[in-house]
């Protein structure tokens, strides 16, 4: 199964965007975590079927008012298993991430 690290920048900090993404992940059948990156962008680690990941990525690109997405970066990473999709407060360590 695919696993992606997604970084979303724009007006996403403290807008409820992480909770929006949790709802969309639950709807899409994707598991993982969503969190704030050090630069106040939103980071996501998402696992699921290719179809479900693709559906979820579309929600990541769309956002909602007043959120404005400036840039989205998607990197495939080694599979990580999650039992659900959660909003977390601390940035997790990601195994197998290439250096930015």
C-alpha atoms as a PDB file:
ATOM      1  CA  UNK A   1       0.000   0.000   0.000  1.00  0.00           C
ATOM      2  CA  UNK A   2       1.190   3.529  -0.700  1.00  0.00           C
ATOM      3  CA  UNK A   3       2.320   5.887   2.028  1.00  0.00           C
ATOM      4  CA  UNK A   4       2.860   9.578   1.321  1.00  0.00           C
ATOM      5  CA  UNK A   5       4.362  12.504   3.199  1.00  0.00           C
ATOM      6  CA  UNK A   6       2.386  15.585   2.154  1.00  0.00           C
ATOM      7  CA  UNK A   7       3.382  19.157   3.012  1.00  0.00           C
ATOM      8  CA  UNK A   8       0.792  21.871   2.427  1.00  0.00           C
ATOM      9  CA  UNK A   9       1.725  25.538   2.619  1.00  0.00           C
ATOM     10  CA  UNK A  10      -0.410  28.659   2.427  1.00  0.00           C
ATOM     11  CA  UNK A  11      -2.860  30.149   4.898  1.00  0.00           C
ATOM     12  CA  UNK A  12      -3.271  26.860   6.757  1.00  0.00           C
ATOM     13  CA  UNK A  13      -1.989  27.639  10.277  1.00  0.00           C
ATOM     14  CA  UNK A  14      -4.640  27.746  13.036  1.00  0.00           C
ATOM     15  CA  UNK A  15      -7.552  27.666  10.577  1.00  0.00           C
ATOM     16  CA  UNK A  16      -9.037  24.255  11.418  1.00  0.00           C
ATOM     17  CA  UNK A  17      -7.395  22.802   8.312  1.00  0.00           C
ATOM     18  CA  UNK A  18      -5.894  19.846  10.211  1.00  0.00           C
ATOM     19  CA  UNK A  19      -9.363  18.880  11.469  1.00  0.00           C
ATOM     20  CA  UNK A  20     -10.795  19.316   7.958  1.00  0.00           C
ATOM     21  CA  UNK A  21      -8.121  16.917   6.684  1.00  0.00           C
ATOM     22  CA  UNK A  22      -8.938  14.428   9.455  1.00  0.00           C
ATOM     23  CA  UNK A  23     -12.591  14.406   8.380  1.00  0.00           C
ATOM     24  CA  UNK A  24     -11.590  13.996   4.726  1.00  0.00           C
ATOM     25  CA  UNK A  25      -9.140  11.198   5.581  1.00  0.00           C
ATOM     26  CA  UNK A  26     -11.860   9.372   7.521  1.00  0.00           C
ATOM     27  CA  UNK A  27     -14.216   9.859   4.542  1.00  0.00           C
ATOM     28  CA  UNK A  28     -11.548   8.659   2.081  1.00  0.00           C
ATOM     29  CA  UNK A  29     -10.507   5.593   4.090  1.00  0.00           C
ATOM     30  CA  UNK A  30      -6.970   6.889   4.663  1.00  0.00           C
ATOM     31  CA  UNK A  31      -5.041   6.378   7.903  1.00  0.00           C
ATOM     32  CA  UNK A  32      -2.151   8.436   9.266  1.00  0.00           C
ATOM     33  CA  UNK A  33      -1.459  11.702  11.056  1.00  0.00           C
ATOM     34  CA  UNK A  34      -1.693  15.436  10.408  1.00  0.00           C
ATOM     35  CA  UNK A  35       0.440  18.013  12.225  1.00  0.00           C
ATOM     36  CA  UNK A  36       2.082  21.428  11.932  1.00  0.00           C
ATOM     37  CA  UNK A  37       5.537  21.616  10.399  1.00  0.00           C
ATOM     38  CA  UNK A  38       8.177  23.915  11.945  1.00  0.00           C
ATOM     39  CA  UNK A  39       7.424  26.574   9.291  1.00  0.00           C
ATOM     40  CA  UNK A  40       3.669  26.560  10.162  1.00  0.00           C
ATOM     41  CA  UNK A  41       2.723  24.612   7.069  1.00  0.00           C
ATOM     42  CA  UNK A  42       0.634  21.462   7.537  1.00  0.00           C
ATOM     43  CA  UNK A  43       2.287  18.054   7.292  1.00  0.00           C
ATOM     44  CA  UNK A  44       0.493  14.779   6.657  1.00  0.00           C
ATOM     45  CA  UNK A  45       1.583  11.165   6.645  1.00  0.00           C
ATOM     46  CA  UNK A  46      -1.119   9.204   4.832  1.00  0.00           C
ATOM     47  CA  UNK A  47      -1.411   5.465   4.189  1.00  0.00           C
ATOM     48  CA  UNK A  48      -4.037   3.588   2.222  1.00  0.00           C
ATOM     49  CA  UNK A  49      -4.916   2.162  -1.145  1.00  0.00           C
ATOM     50  CA  UNK A  50      -3.743   4.113  -4.179  1.00  0.00           C
ATOM     51  CA  UNK A  51      -7.359   5.058  -4.985  1.00  0.00           C
ATOM     52  CA  UNK A  52      -8.023   6.323  -1.437  1.00  0.00           C
ATOM     53  CA  UNK A  53      -4.718   8.237  -1.278  1.00  0.00           C
ATOM     54  CA  UNK A  54      -5.489   9.916  -4.622  1.00  0.00           C
ATOM     55  CA  UNK A  55      -8.970  10.917  -3.404  1.00  0.00           C
ATOM     56  CA  UNK A  56      -7.481  12.314  -0.169  1.00  0.00           C
ATOM     57  CA  UNK A  57      -4.788  14.258  -2.056  1.00  0.00           C
ATOM     58  CA  UNK A  58      -7.524  16.087  -3.974  1.00  0.00           C
ATOM     59  CA  UNK A  59      -8.995  17.280  -0.655  1.00  0.00           C
ATOM     60  CA  UNK A  60      -5.511  18.423   0.391  1.00  0.00           C
ATOM     61  CA  UNK A  61      -5.232  20.519  -2.783  1.00  0.00           C
ATOM     62  CA  UNK A  62      -8.722  22.063  -2.483  1.00  0.00           C
ATOM     63  CA  UNK A  63      -8.850  23.285   1.100  1.00  0.00           C
ATOM     64  CA  UNK A  64     -11.855  25.315   2.203  1.00  0.00           C
ATOM     65  CA  UNK A  65     -12.650  29.007   2.763  1.00  0.00           C
ATOM     66  CA  UNK A  66     -10.724  30.891   4.278  1.00  0.00           C
ATOM     67  CA  UNK A  67      -7.818  28.468   3.685  1.00  0.00           C
ATOM     68  CA  UNK A  68      -5.697  29.237   0.644  1.00  0.00           C
ATOM     69  CA  UNK A  69      -3.268  26.578  -0.586  1.00  0.00           C
ATOM     70  CA  UNK A  70      -0.063  28.028  -2.090  1.00  0.00           C
ATOM     71  CA  UNK A  71       1.931  24.833  -2.567  1.00  0.00           C
ATOM     72  CA  UNK A  72       1.621  21.111  -1.970  1.00  0.00           C
ATOM     73  CA  UNK A  73       4.564  18.716  -1.954  1.00  0.00           C
ATOM     74  CA  UNK A  74       3.963  14.960  -2.063  1.00  0.00           C
ATOM     75  CA  UNK A  75       6.717  12.408  -1.453  1.00  0.00           C
ATOM     76  CA  UNK A  76       6.249   8.643  -1.403  1.00  0.00           C
ATOM     77  CA  UNK A  77       7.833   7.178   1.729  1.00  0.00           C
ATOM     78  CA  UNK A  78       8.187   3.646   3.103  1.00  0.00           C
ATOM     79  CA  UNK A  79       4.857   2.227   4.253  1.00  0.00           C
ATOM     80  CA  UNK A  80       3.812   3.037   7.803  1.00  0.00           C
ATOM     81  CA  UNK A  81       0.813   1.366   9.374  1.00  0.00           C
ATOM     82  CA  UNK A  82      -1.757   3.373  11.327  1.00  0.00           C
ATOM     83  CA  UNK A  83      -5.029   2.185  12.852  1.00  0.00           C
ATOM     84  CA  UNK A  84      -6.813   5.516  12.242  1.00  0.00           C
ATOM     85  CA  UNK A  85      -6.166   9.104  11.149  1.00  0.00           C
ATOM     86  CA  UNK A  86      -5.271  11.501  13.967  1.00  0.00           C
ATOM     87  CA  UNK A  87      -4.476  15.170  14.521  1.00  0.00           C
ATOM     88  CA  UNK A  88      -1.243  15.307  16.521  1.00  0.00           C
ATOM     89  CA  UNK A  89       0.507  18.236  18.164  1.00  0.00           C
ATOM     90  CA  UNK A  90       4.132  17.250  17.641  1.00  0.00           C
ATOM     91  CA  UNK A  91       5.888  16.641  14.352  1.00  0.00           C
ATOM     92  CA  UNK A  92       6.659  12.911  14.107  1.00  0.00           C
ATOM     93  CA  UNK A  93       9.939  11.401  12.978  1.00  0.00           C
ATOM     94  CA  UNK A  94       9.481   9.895   9.550  1.00  0.00           C
ATOM     95  CA  UNK A  95      11.551   6.859   8.590  1.00  0.00           C
ATOM     96  CA  UNK A  96      12.985   6.857   5.081  1.00  0.00           C
ATOM     97  CA  UNK A  97      12.455  10.564   4.399  1.00  0.00           C
ATOM     98  CA  UNK A  98      14.913  12.031   1.899  1.00  0.00           C
ATOM     99  CA  UNK A  99      16.676  15.195   3.046  1.00  0.00           C
ATOM    100  CA  UNK A 100      14.944  18.373   1.850  1.00  0.00           C
END
